[in-house]
Amino acid sequence: MLPKIGGLYAITPDSIDTENLLVMTQKALAGGAKLIQYRNKTADALLRHKQAEKLHYLCRKYDVPLIINDHLDLALEIGADGLHLGRNDISVNEARRTLGNTKIIGASCYNQIDLAVKAEDQGADYVAFGAFFASATKPEAVTAPLELLGLAKQKLRKPIVAIGGITLLNANGLIACGGDAIAVSNALFGTQDVQSTAQSFSQLFS
């Protein structure tokens, strides 16, 4: 049985400092993160493999799934718990055929309900909408209105992840509108006290 998708979904920052990345991620886990996504757009394949392997070991200690962003081959190599797909990646169908039914597959649906319906029909375990606010991680991201979450709740059966510029000041509104999980990167890993910040985000769901 797959773990429940909900709560704080921490997305790792681009970093070549593996030890610092592990320290920050450990603090996010200790603070209550329910999912970790490994996303590194600047690392080469060798560094990605090293970091993902170490993160997977760390996540297992906390019994928290490690989701790999984009790289199906990497998810297979390290036996990750799942894969997150964007618009230009392989289809959910193809990922499901390769990974089987025991892995989590998530799909970015931006501001488009039709993409989410298609992803769900193909077997995605969660869909992600956003950016709901200006994002330092993805400044070029399309914007999504808050009302999209309520509409998605009516049309979809799978958990909904909200992403994009989420902070402690605006996260509550996304949860109230129907977000089952909030995906956070800079507002978590860019803080002085990652564990305390993770706890604050996690408490929004209690």
N, C-alpha and C. Protein backbone atom coordinates (compact mmCIF):
# COMPACT_ATOMS: atom_id res chain seq x y z
N MET A 1 0.84 -1.20 0.00
CA MET A 1 0.00 0.00 0.00
C MET A 1 0.88 1.25 0.00
N LEU A 2 0.57 2.19 -0.89
CA LEU A 2 1.37 3.41 -1.00
C LEU A 2 1.09 4.32 0.19
N PRO A 3 2.12 5.09 0.61
CA PRO A 3 1.91 6.03 1.72
C PRO A 3 0.96 7.14 1.32
N LYS A 4 0.33 7.72 2.31
CA LYS A 4 -0.58 8.84 2.07
C LYS A 4 0.19 10.06 1.58
N ILE A 5 -0.36 10.73 0.58
CA ILE A 5 0.24 11.96 0.06
C ILE A 5 -0.43 13.14 0.74
N GLY A 6 0.32 13.84 1.57
CA GLY A 6 -0.24 14.98 2.28
C GLY A 6 0.80 15.61 3.18
N GLY A 7 0.52 16.84 3.60
CA GLY A 7 1.44 17.53 4.50
C GLY A 7 2.55 18.27 3.77
N LEU A 8 3.66 18.44 4.44
CA LEU A 8 4.80 19.16 3.88
C LEU A 8 5.57 18.28 2.91
N TYR A 9 5.70 18.76 1.69
CA TYR A 9 6.41 18.07 0.61
C TYR A 9 7.64 18.92 0.32
N ALA A 10 8.79 18.49 0.80
CA ALA A 10 10.02 19.28 0.69
C ALA A 10 10.76 18.96 -0.61
N ILE A 11 11.08 20.00 -1.36
CA ILE A 11 11.80 19.83 -2.62
C ILE A 11 13.21 20.37 -2.45
N THR A 12 14.19 19.50 -2.63
CA THR A 12 15.57 19.88 -2.36
C THR A 12 16.05 20.98 -3.32
N PRO A 13 16.94 21.84 -2.84
CA PRO A 13 17.51 22.89 -3.70
C PRO A 13 18.66 22.36 -4.53
N ASP A 14 18.98 23.06 -5.60
CA ASP A 14 20.19 22.73 -6.36
C ASP A 14 21.39 22.94 -5.46
N SER A 15 22.22 21.92 -5.32
CA SER A 15 23.39 22.04 -4.47
C SER A 15 24.43 21.02 -4.89
N ILE A 16 25.69 21.46 -4.95
CA ILE A 16 26.78 20.52 -5.21
C ILE A 16 27.42 20.05 -3.90
N ASP A 17 27.00 20.65 -2.79
CA ASP A 17 27.52 20.30 -1.47
C ASP A 17 26.64 19.19 -0.88
N THR A 18 27.03 17.96 -1.12
CA THR A 18 26.21 16.83 -0.72
C THR A 18 26.00 16.76 0.78
N GLU A 19 27.04 16.99 1.54
CA GLU A 19 26.91 16.88 2.99
C GLU A 19 25.96 17.92 3.55
N ASN A 20 26.04 19.15 3.03
CA ASN A 20 25.13 20.20 3.49
C ASN A 20 23.69 19.87 3.07
N LEU A 21 23.53 19.32 1.87
CA LEU A 21 22.21 18.92 1.41
C LEU A 21 21.61 17.86 2.34
N LEU A 22 22.43 16.93 2.77
CA LEU A 22 21.95 15.88 3.67
C LEU A 22 21.59 16.45 5.04
N VAL A 23 22.39 17.37 5.52
CA VAL A 23 22.11 18.00 6.82
C VAL A 23 20.79 18.75 6.77
N MET A 24 20.59 19.53 5.71
CA MET A 24 19.35 20.30 5.58
C MET A 24 18.14 19.37 5.44
N THR A 25 18.29 18.31 4.67
CA THR A 25 17.18 17.38 4.46
C THR A 25 16.84 16.65 5.75
N GLN A 26 17.86 16.29 6.50
CA GLN A 26 17.62 15.63 7.78
C GLN A 26 16.81 16.54 8.70
N LYS A 27 17.11 17.83 8.68
CA LYS A 27 16.37 18.78 9.51
C LYS A 27 14.92 18.91 9.03
N ALA A 28 14.73 18.89 7.71
CA ALA A 28 13.36 18.95 7.18
C ALA A 28 12.57 17.71 7.61
N LEU A 29 13.21 16.56 7.58
CA LEU A 29 12.56 15.32 8.00
C LEU A 29 12.25 15.35 9.50
N ALA A 30 13.20 15.82 10.27
CA ALA A 30 12.99 15.91 11.72
C ALA A 30 11.87 16.89 12.04
N GLY A 31 11.67 17.87 11.17
CA GLY A 31 10.61 18.86 11.37
C GLY A 31 9.25 18.41 10.89
N GLY A 32 9.19 17.22 10.29
CA GLY A 32 7.89 16.68 9.93
C GLY A 32 7.57 16.57 8.45
N ALA A 33 8.56 16.77 7.57
CA ALA A 33 8.29 16.62 6.13
C ALA A 33 7.78 15.21 5.84
N LYS A 34 6.71 15.10 5.06
CA LYS A 34 6.09 13.81 4.77
C LYS A 34 6.55 13.21 3.45
N LEU A 35 7.13 14.03 2.60
CA LEU A 35 7.70 13.57 1.33
C LEU A 35 8.92 14.43 1.04
N ILE A 36 9.91 13.81 0.40
CA ILE A 36 11.09 14.55 -0.07
C ILE A 36 11.20 14.32 -1.57
N GLN A 37 11.34 15.41 -2.31
CA GLN A 37 11.62 15.28 -3.75
C GLN A 37 13.05 15.73 -4.01
N TYR A 38 13.81 14.85 -4.64
CA TYR A 38 15.18 15.22 -5.04
C TYR A 38 15.11 15.87 -6.42
N ARG A 39 15.46 17.14 -6.45
CA ARG A 39 15.47 17.92 -7.68
C ARG A 39 16.78 18.68 -7.75
N ASN A 40 17.60 18.39 -8.73
CA ASN A 40 18.85 19.12 -8.88
C ASN A 40 19.11 19.33 -10.37
N LYS A 41 18.89 20.55 -10.84
CA LYS A 41 19.01 20.87 -12.25
C LYS A 41 20.43 21.23 -12.66
N THR A 42 21.35 21.34 -11.70
CA THR A 42 22.71 21.76 -12.03
C THR A 42 23.73 20.64 -11.92
N ALA A 43 23.41 19.57 -11.22
CA ALA A 43 24.36 18.48 -11.01
C ALA A 43 24.50 17.61 -12.24
N ASP A 44 25.68 16.99 -12.40
CA ASP A 44 25.84 16.02 -13.47
C ASP A 44 25.31 14.67 -13.00
N ALA A 45 25.28 13.70 -13.89
CA ALA A 45 24.66 12.40 -13.60
C ALA A 45 25.33 11.70 -12.42
N LEU A 46 26.64 11.81 -12.33
CA LEU A 46 27.38 11.14 -11.25
C LEU A 46 27.01 11.73 -9.89
N LEU A 47 26.96 13.06 -9.82
CA LEU A 47 26.61 13.72 -8.56
C LEU A 47 25.15 13.46 -8.20
N ARG A 48 24.27 13.50 -9.20
CA ARG A 48 22.86 13.20 -8.93
C ARG A 48 22.70 11.80 -8.32
N HIS A 49 23.42 10.85 -8.87
CA HIS A 49 23.32 9.48 -8.35
C HIS A 49 23.82 9.41 -6.91
N LYS A 50 24.94 10.05 -6.65
CA LYS A 50 25.50 10.04 -5.29
C LYS A 50 24.55 10.69 -4.30
N GLN A 51 24.03 11.87 -4.66
CA GLN A 51 23.14 12.57 -3.75
C GLN A 51 21.83 11.83 -3.54
N ALA A 52 21.26 11.32 -4.61
CA ALA A 52 19.98 10.61 -4.50
C ALA A 52 20.12 9.35 -3.65
N GLU A 53 21.21 8.65 -3.83
CA GLU A 53 21.44 7.42 -3.06
C GLU A 53 21.52 7.73 -1.56
N LYS A 54 22.27 8.77 -1.24
CA LYS A 54 22.41 9.14 0.18
C LYS A 54 21.10 9.67 0.75
N LEU A 55 20.36 10.43 -0.04
CA LEU A 55 19.07 10.94 0.42
C LEU A 55 18.07 9.80 0.63
N HIS A 56 18.13 8.81 -0.24
CA HIS A 56 17.23 7.67 -0.09
C HIS A 56 17.50 6.93 1.22
N TYR A 57 18.76 6.74 1.52
CA TYR A 57 19.14 6.08 2.78
C TYR A 57 18.62 6.89 3.97
N LEU A 58 18.79 8.21 3.89
CA LEU A 58 18.33 9.09 4.97
C LEU A 58 16.81 9.03 5.11
N CYS A 59 16.10 9.10 4.00
CA CYS A 59 14.63 9.08 4.04
C CYS A 59 14.11 7.77 4.62
N ARG A 60 14.79 6.67 4.34
CA ARG A 60 14.35 5.38 4.88
C ARG A 60 14.39 5.38 6.40
N LYS A 61 15.35 6.09 6.97
CA LYS A 61 15.44 6.17 8.43
C LYS A 61 14.19 6.81 9.03
N TYR A 62 13.58 7.72 8.29
CA TYR A 62 12.39 8.43 8.76
C TYR A 62 11.10 7.83 8.19
N ASP A 63 11.24 6.78 7.41
CA ASP A 63 10.09 6.14 6.76
C ASP A 63 9.30 7.16 5.93
N VAL A 64 10.04 7.98 5.19
CA VAL A 64 9.46 9.01 4.33
C VAL A 64 9.86 8.72 2.88
N PRO A 65 8.92 8.78 1.94
CA PRO A 65 9.26 8.48 0.54
C PRO A 65 10.20 9.51 -0.07
N LEU A 66 11.14 9.02 -0.88
CA LEU A 66 11.98 9.88 -1.70
C LEU A 66 11.48 9.80 -3.13
N ILE A 67 11.07 10.95 -3.66
CA ILE A 67 10.59 11.06 -5.03
C ILE A 67 11.68 11.72 -5.87
N ILE A 68 11.98 11.13 -7.02
CA ILE A 68 12.97 11.71 -7.93
C ILE A 68 12.27 12.59 -8.95
N ASN A 69 12.78 13.77 -9.17
CA ASN A 69 12.23 14.67 -10.18
C ASN A 69 12.82 14.33 -11.55
N ASP A 70 11.94 14.03 -12.50
CA ASP A 70 12.29 13.89 -13.92
C ASP A 70 13.02 12.61 -14.32
N HIS A 71 14.01 12.17 -13.58
CA HIS A 71 14.95 11.16 -14.05
C HIS A 71 14.50 9.74 -13.72
N LEU A 72 13.82 9.11 -14.68
CA LEU A 72 13.36 7.73 -14.49
C LEU A 72 14.53 6.79 -14.26
N ASP A 73 15.61 6.98 -15.03
CA ASP A 73 16.77 6.09 -14.89
C ASP A 73 17.35 6.16 -13.48
N LEU A 74 17.41 7.34 -12.92
CA LEU A 74 17.94 7.51 -11.57
C LEU A 74 17.02 6.85 -10.54
N ALA A 75 15.71 7.03 -10.71
CA ALA A 75 14.76 6.40 -9.79
C ALA A 75 14.92 4.89 -9.80
N LEU A 76 15.15 4.32 -10.97
CA LEU A 76 15.35 2.88 -11.08
C LEU A 76 16.67 2.46 -10.46
N GLU A 77 17.71 3.22 -10.72
CA GLU A 77 19.06 2.87 -10.24
C GLU A 77 19.13 2.77 -8.73
N ILE A 78 18.49 3.70 -8.03
CA ILE A 78 18.62 3.72 -6.58
C ILE A 78 17.42 3.09 -5.87
N GLY A 79 16.43 2.66 -6.66
CA GLY A 79 15.23 2.07 -6.05
C GLY A 79 14.41 3.09 -5.29
N ALA A 80 14.33 4.31 -5.83
CA ALA A 80 13.58 5.38 -5.16
C ALA A 80 12.11 5.01 -5.01
N ASP A 81 11.43 5.74 -4.16
CA ASP A 81 10.03 5.44 -3.86
C ASP A 81 9.07 5.98 -4.90
N GLY A 82 9.57 6.84 -5.78
CA GLY A 82 8.67 7.38 -6.78
C GLY A 82 9.35 8.34 -7.73
N LEU A 83 8.55 8.90 -8.62
CA LEU A 83 9.03 9.76 -9.69
C LEU A 83 8.03 10.89 -9.90
N HIS A 84 8.55 12.11 -10.07
CA HIS A 84 7.69 13.25 -10.38
C HIS A 84 7.96 13.68 -11.82
N LEU A 85 6.89 13.85 -12.58
CA LEU A 85 7.00 14.14 -14.00
C LEU A 85 6.49 15.52 -14.35
N GLY A 86 7.19 16.18 -15.26
CA GLY A 86 6.76 17.47 -15.78
C GLY A 86 6.18 17.32 -17.17
N ARG A 87 5.80 18.43 -17.73
CA ARG A 87 5.14 18.44 -19.04
C ARG A 87 5.99 17.78 -20.13
N ASN A 88 7.30 17.99 -20.08
CA ASN A 88 8.18 17.52 -21.15
C ASN A 88 8.86 16.19 -20.84
N ASP A 89 8.43 15.54 -19.78
CA ASP A 89 9.01 14.24 -19.42
C ASP A 89 8.19 13.11 -20.06
N ILE A 90 8.55 11.88 -19.74
CA ILE A 90 7.78 10.75 -20.24
C ILE A 90 6.36 10.80 -19.70
N SER A 91 5.47 10.04 -20.29
CA SER A 91 4.08 10.03 -19.84
C SER A 91 3.93 9.25 -18.54
N VAL A 92 2.85 9.52 -17.84
CA VAL A 92 2.54 8.75 -16.64
C VAL A 92 2.39 7.27 -17.00
N ASN A 93 1.75 6.99 -18.13
CA ASN A 93 1.59 5.60 -18.59
C ASN A 93 2.93 4.89 -18.70
N GLU A 94 3.88 5.54 -19.35
CA GLU A 94 5.20 4.93 -19.55
C GLU A 94 5.92 4.73 -18.22
N ALA A 95 5.83 5.74 -17.36
CA ALA A 95 6.47 5.62 -16.04
C ALA A 95 5.87 4.47 -15.25
N ARG A 96 4.54 4.34 -15.32
CA ARG A 96 3.86 3.28 -14.57
C ARG A 96 4.24 1.91 -15.10
N ARG A 97 4.33 1.78 -16.41
CA ARG A 97 4.73 0.50 -17.00
C ARG A 97 6.12 0.10 -16.53
N THR A 98 7.02 1.09 -16.40
CA THR A 98 8.40 0.80 -16.04
C THR A 98 8.56 0.58 -14.53
N LEU A 99 7.89 1.40 -13.74
CA LEU A 99 8.08 1.36 -12.29
C LEU A 99 7.16 0.37 -11.57
N GLY A 100 6.06 0.01 -12.21
CA GLY A 100 5.11 -0.89 -11.56
C GLY A 100 4.17 -0.13 -10.64
N ASN A 101 3.38 -0.89 -9.91
CA ASN A 101 2.33 -0.29 -9.09
C ASN A 101 2.73 0.02 -7.65
N THR A 102 3.98 -0.28 -7.29
CA THR A 102 4.39 -0.06 -5.91
C THR A 102 5.13 1.27 -5.72
N LYS A 103 5.29 2.04 -6.79
CA LYS A 103 6.00 3.31 -6.71
C LYS A 103 5.02 4.47 -6.88
N ILE A 104 5.34 5.59 -6.25
CA ILE A 104 4.53 6.80 -6.35
C ILE A 104 4.87 7.54 -7.64
N ILE A 105 3.87 7.94 -8.37
CA ILE A 105 4.08 8.77 -9.56
C ILE A 105 3.24 10.03 -9.43
N GLY A 106 3.90 11.17 -9.53
CA GLY A 106 3.23 12.45 -9.48
C GLY A 106 3.43 13.21 -10.78
N ALA A 107 2.51 14.12 -11.07
CA ALA A 107 2.58 14.86 -12.33
C ALA A 107 2.31 16.34 -12.11
N SER A 108 3.16 17.16 -12.69
CA SER A 108 2.93 18.61 -12.70
C SER A 108 1.84 18.92 -13.71
N CYS A 109 0.83 19.65 -13.28
CA CYS A 109 -0.30 19.99 -14.16
C CYS A 109 -0.46 21.50 -14.30
N TYR A 110 0.44 22.26 -13.71
CA TYR A 110 0.52 23.70 -13.88
C TYR A 110 -0.80 24.37 -13.50
N ASN A 111 -1.51 24.93 -14.48
CA ASN A 111 -2.81 25.55 -14.18
C ASN A 111 -3.91 24.92 -15.03
N GLN A 112 -3.71 23.63 -15.38
CA GLN A 112 -4.60 22.98 -16.35
C GLN A 112 -5.28 21.74 -15.76
N ILE A 113 -6.57 21.86 -15.54
CA ILE A 113 -7.35 20.74 -15.02
C ILE A 113 -7.31 19.55 -15.97
N ASP A 114 -7.32 19.81 -17.29
CA ASP A 114 -7.36 18.69 -18.24
C ASP A 114 -6.11 17.82 -18.15
N LEU A 115 -4.96 18.45 -17.87
CA LEU A 115 -3.74 17.67 -17.68
C LEU A 115 -3.85 16.78 -16.44
N ALA A 116 -4.48 17.30 -15.41
CA ALA A 116 -4.64 16.54 -14.16
C ALA A 116 -5.58 15.36 -14.36
N VAL A 117 -6.67 15.58 -15.07
CA VAL A 117 -7.61 14.50 -15.35
C VAL A 117 -6.92 13.39 -16.15
N LYS A 118 -6.13 13.80 -17.15
CA LYS A 118 -5.39 12.82 -17.96
C LYS A 118 -4.38 12.06 -17.11
N ALA A 119 -3.64 12.78 -16.26
CA ALA A 119 -2.64 12.13 -15.42
C ALA A 119 -3.29 11.13 -14.47
N GLU A 120 -4.42 11.53 -13.90
CA GLU A 120 -5.13 10.63 -12.99
C GLU A 120 -5.63 9.39 -13.74
N ASP A 121 -6.16 9.60 -14.93
CA ASP A 121 -6.65 8.47 -15.73
C ASP A 121 -5.52 7.50 -16.08
N GLN A 122 -4.32 8.03 -16.23
CA GLN A 122 -3.17 7.19 -16.59
C GLN A 122 -2.53 6.52 -15.36
N GLY A 123 -2.99 6.88 -14.17
CA GLY A 123 -2.49 6.20 -12.99
C GLY A 123 -1.60 7.01 -12.07
N ALA A 124 -1.61 8.33 -12.22
CA ALA A 124 -0.81 9.16 -11.29
C ALA A 124 -1.36 9.03 -9.88
N ASP A 125 -0.48 9.06 -8.90
CA ASP A 125 -0.87 8.96 -7.50
C ASP A 125 -1.18 10.32 -6.88
N TYR A 126 -0.67 11.38 -7.49
CA TYR A 126 -1.02 12.74 -7.09
C TYR A 126 -0.78 13.66 -8.26
N VAL A 127 -1.43 14.81 -8.23
CA VAL A 127 -1.20 15.84 -9.24
C VAL A 127 -0.78 17.12 -8.53
N ALA A 128 0.04 17.91 -9.21
CA ALA A 128 0.53 19.16 -8.62
C ALA A 128 0.12 20.34 -9.49
N PHE A 129 -0.39 21.38 -8.85
CA PHE A 129 -0.76 22.61 -9.55
C PHE A 129 0.09 23.77 -9.04
N GLY A 130 0.34 24.73 -9.91
CA GLY A 130 1.07 25.93 -9.54
C GLY A 130 1.87 26.44 -10.73
N ALA A 131 2.49 27.59 -10.59
CA ALA A 131 2.80 28.27 -9.34
C ALA A 131 1.64 29.18 -8.90
N PHE A 132 1.32 29.08 -7.60
CA PHE A 132 0.26 29.92 -7.06
C PHE A 132 0.78 31.31 -6.69
N PHE A 133 2.08 31.41 -6.43
CA PHE A 133 2.71 32.70 -6.11
C PHE A 133 4.04 32.77 -6.85
N ALA A 134 4.62 33.96 -6.89
CA ALA A 134 5.91 34.12 -7.55
C ALA A 134 6.94 33.18 -6.91
N SER A 135 7.65 32.45 -7.75
CA SER A 135 8.57 31.41 -7.26
C SER A 135 10.02 31.77 -7.54
N ALA A 136 10.83 31.75 -6.49
CA ALA A 136 12.26 31.98 -6.67
C ALA A 136 12.92 30.80 -7.35
N THR A 137 12.39 29.60 -7.14
CA THR A 137 12.95 28.40 -7.75
C THR A 137 12.64 28.34 -9.24
N LYS A 138 11.40 28.74 -9.61
CA LYS A 138 10.99 28.74 -11.01
C LYS A 138 10.34 30.07 -11.36
N PRO A 139 11.16 31.11 -11.56
CA PRO A 139 10.59 32.45 -11.81
C PRO A 139 9.78 32.53 -13.09
N GLU A 140 10.00 31.60 -14.04
CA GLU A 140 9.29 31.63 -15.31
C GLU A 140 8.01 30.81 -15.28
N ALA A 141 7.66 30.25 -14.14
CA ALA A 141 6.52 29.34 -14.05
C ALA A 141 5.20 30.05 -14.35
N VAL A 142 4.27 29.29 -14.95
CA VAL A 142 2.93 29.83 -15.18
C VAL A 142 2.24 30.02 -13.84
N THR A 143 1.27 30.91 -13.80
CA THR A 143 0.56 31.15 -12.54
C THR A 143 -0.77 30.40 -12.52
N ALA A 144 -1.17 29.99 -11.33
CA ALA A 144 -2.42 29.26 -11.15
C ALA A 144 -3.26 30.01 -10.12
N PRO A 145 -4.57 30.15 -10.36
CA PRO A 145 -5.45 30.83 -9.41
C PRO A 145 -5.84 29.90 -8.26
N LEU A 146 -6.09 30.47 -7.11
CA LEU A 146 -6.49 29.68 -5.95
C LEU A 146 -7.76 28.86 -6.22
N GLU A 147 -8.66 29.41 -7.03
CA GLU A 147 -9.93 28.72 -7.29
C GLU A 147 -9.70 27.37 -7.98
N LEU A 148 -8.54 27.22 -8.61
CA LEU A 148 -8.23 25.96 -9.30
C LEU A 148 -8.25 24.78 -8.33
N LEU A 149 -7.85 25.02 -7.10
CA LEU A 149 -7.81 23.94 -6.12
C LEU A 149 -9.21 23.42 -5.81
N GLY A 150 -10.15 24.32 -5.64
CA GLY A 150 -11.52 23.91 -5.39
C GLY A 150 -12.12 23.16 -6.56
N LEU A 151 -11.85 23.63 -7.77
CA LEU A 151 -12.34 22.95 -8.97
C LEU A 151 -11.72 21.57 -9.09
N ALA A 152 -10.43 21.48 -8.79
CA ALA A 152 -9.74 20.18 -8.87
C ALA A 152 -10.31 19.20 -7.85
N LYS A 153 -10.66 19.68 -6.68
CA LYS A 153 -11.26 18.82 -5.65
C LYS A 153 -12.57 18.19 -6.14
N GLN A 154 -13.30 18.94 -6.95
CA GLN A 154 -14.57 18.44 -7.46
C GLN A 154 -14.37 17.39 -8.56
N LYS A 155 -13.30 17.54 -9.34
CA LYS A 155 -13.11 16.71 -10.52
C LYS A 155 -12.19 15.51 -10.31
N LEU A 156 -11.34 15.59 -9.29
CA LEU A 156 -10.29 14.57 -9.13
C LEU A 156 -10.49 13.75 -7.87
N ARG A 157 -9.96 12.54 -7.91
CA ARG A 157 -10.00 11.66 -6.73
C ARG A 157 -8.66 11.59 -6.02
N LYS A 158 -7.60 11.90 -6.74
CA LYS A 158 -6.25 11.77 -6.19
C LYS A 158 -5.85 13.01 -5.39
N PRO A 159 -4.85 12.86 -4.49
CA PRO A 159 -4.38 14.01 -3.71
C PRO A 159 -3.84 15.13 -4.60
N ILE A 160 -3.99 16.35 -4.10
CA ILE A 160 -3.58 17.54 -4.84
C ILE A 160 -2.45 18.24 -4.09
N VAL A 161 -1.37 18.50 -4.82
CA VAL A 161 -0.21 19.20 -4.27
C VAL A 161 -0.18 20.62 -4.83
N ALA A 162 -0.03 21.58 -3.95
CA ALA A 162 0.12 22.98 -4.37
C ALA A 162 1.59 23.35 -4.33
N ILE A 163 2.04 24.10 -5.33
CA ILE A 163 3.46 24.44 -5.43
C ILE A 163 3.62 25.85 -5.98
N GLY A 164 4.76 26.46 -5.68
CA GLY A 164 5.10 27.73 -6.30
C GLY A 164 5.01 28.92 -5.38
N GLY A 165 6.15 29.36 -4.85
CA GLY A 165 6.20 30.56 -4.03
C GLY A 165 5.50 30.44 -2.69
N ILE A 166 5.35 29.22 -2.20
CA ILE A 166 4.61 29.01 -0.95
C ILE A 166 5.48 29.36 0.26
N THR A 167 4.90 30.12 1.17
CA THR A 167 5.57 30.54 2.40
C THR A 167 4.65 30.26 3.58
N LEU A 168 5.16 30.49 4.77
CA LEU A 168 4.33 30.32 5.97
C LEU A 168 3.19 31.34 6.01
N LEU A 169 3.34 32.42 5.27
CA LEU A 169 2.31 33.46 5.28
C LEU A 169 1.14 33.15 4.34
N ASN A 170 1.39 32.36 3.29
CA ASN A 170 0.32 32.12 2.33
C ASN A 170 -0.13 30.66 2.23
N ALA A 171 0.54 29.77 2.95
CA ALA A 171 0.24 28.34 2.81
C ALA A 171 -1.16 27.98 3.30
N ASN A 172 -1.61 28.63 4.36
CA ASN A 172 -2.92 28.30 4.93
C ASN A 172 -4.05 28.43 3.91
N GLY A 173 -3.97 29.46 3.08
CA GLY A 173 -5.01 29.66 2.08
C GLY A 173 -5.08 28.52 1.09
N LEU A 174 -3.92 27.98 0.71
CA LEU A 174 -3.88 26.86 -0.23
C LEU A 174 -4.46 25.59 0.39
N ILE A 175 -4.16 25.38 1.66
CA ILE A 175 -4.69 24.21 2.36
C ILE A 175 -6.21 24.33 2.50
N ALA A 176 -6.67 25.53 2.85
CA ALA A 176 -8.11 25.76 3.01
C ALA A 176 -8.86 25.57 1.70
N CYS A 177 -8.21 25.88 0.58
CA CYS A 177 -8.87 25.76 -0.73
C CYS A 177 -8.84 24.33 -1.28
N GLY A 178 -8.10 23.44 -0.62
CA GLY A 178 -8.12 22.05 -1.07
C GLY A 178 -6.79 21.39 -1.28
N GLY A 179 -5.69 22.09 -1.00
CA GLY A 179 -4.37 21.47 -1.15
C GLY A 179 -4.14 20.40 -0.09
N ASP A 180 -3.89 19.18 -0.52
CA ASP A 180 -3.60 18.10 0.43
C ASP A 180 -2.15 18.16 0.91
N ALA A 181 -1.29 18.69 0.05
CA ALA A 181 0.12 18.84 0.39
C ALA A 181 0.60 20.16 -0.18
N ILE A 182 1.62 20.73 0.45
CA ILE A 182 2.26 21.93 -0.08
C ILE A 182 3.72 21.62 -0.34
N ALA A 183 4.14 21.90 -1.58
CA ALA A 183 5.52 21.64 -1.98
C ALA A 183 6.33 22.92 -1.79
N VAL A 184 7.38 22.81 -1.00
CA VAL A 184 8.16 23.99 -0.61
C VAL A 184 9.64 23.71 -0.82
N SER A 185 10.35 24.68 -1.36
CA SER A 185 11.79 24.55 -1.53
C SER A 185 12.51 25.71 -0.85
N ASN A 186 12.52 26.88 -1.50
CA ASN A 186 13.28 28.01 -0.99
C ASN A 186 12.82 28.49 0.38
N ALA A 187 11.49 28.49 0.62
CA ALA A 187 10.96 28.97 1.90
C ALA A 187 11.26 28.01 3.04
N LEU A 188 11.78 26.85 2.72
CA LEU A 188 12.20 25.88 3.73
C LEU A 188 13.71 25.81 3.80
N PHE A 189 14.34 25.44 2.69
CA PHE A 189 15.79 25.22 2.69
C PHE A 189 16.59 26.52 2.67
N GLY A 190 15.92 27.64 2.38
CA GLY A 190 16.61 28.92 2.37
C GLY A 190 16.56 29.65 3.70
N THR A 191 16.06 28.98 4.73
CA THR A 191 15.93 29.63 6.04
C THR A 191 17.09 29.27 6.96
N GLN A 192 17.23 30.03 8.03
CA GLN A 192 18.30 29.79 8.99
C GLN A 192 18.06 28.52 9.80
N ASP A 193 16.81 28.23 10.09
CA ASP A 193 16.47 27.07 10.92
C ASP A 193 15.48 26.19 10.16
N VAL A 194 16.03 25.25 9.39
CA VAL A 194 15.21 24.41 8.52
C VAL A 194 14.24 23.55 9.34
N GLN A 195 14.71 23.01 10.45
CA GLN A 195 13.86 22.12 11.24
C GLN A 195 12.67 22.88 11.83
N SER A 196 12.92 24.04 12.39
CA SER A 196 11.85 24.84 12.96
C SER A 196 10.85 25.27 11.89
N THR A 197 11.35 25.64 10.72
CA THR A 197 10.47 26.04 9.63
C THR A 197 9.62 24.87 9.16
N ALA A 198 10.24 23.70 9.07
CA ALA A 198 9.48 22.49 8.68
C ALA A 198 8.39 22.19 9.70
N GLN A 199 8.70 22.37 10.96
CA GLN A 199 7.70 22.15 12.00
C GLN A 199 6.53 23.12 11.84
N SER A 200 6.85 24.37 11.54
CA SER A 200 5.79 25.38 11.38
C SER A 200 4.90 25.04 10.19
N PHE A 201 5.50 24.61 9.07
CA PHE A 201 4.70 24.20 7.92
C PHE A 201 3.84 22.97 8.28
N SER A 202 4.45 22.01 8.95
CA SER A 202 3.75 20.77 9.29
C SER A 202 2.56 21.03 10.21
N GLN A 203 2.70 21.99 11.10
CA GLN A 203 1.62 22.29 12.04
C GLN A 203 0.39 22.87 11.37
N LEU A 204 0.56 23.38 10.16
CA LEU A 204 -0.59 23.92 9.43
C LEU A 204 -1.59 22.83 9.06
N PHE A 205 -1.14 21.58 9.08
CA PHE A 205 -2.00 20.46 8.71
C PHE A 205 -2.63 19.77 9.93
N SER A 206 -2.27 20.22 11.12
CA SER A 206 -2.78 19.54 12.30
C SER A 206 -4.10 20.13 12.77
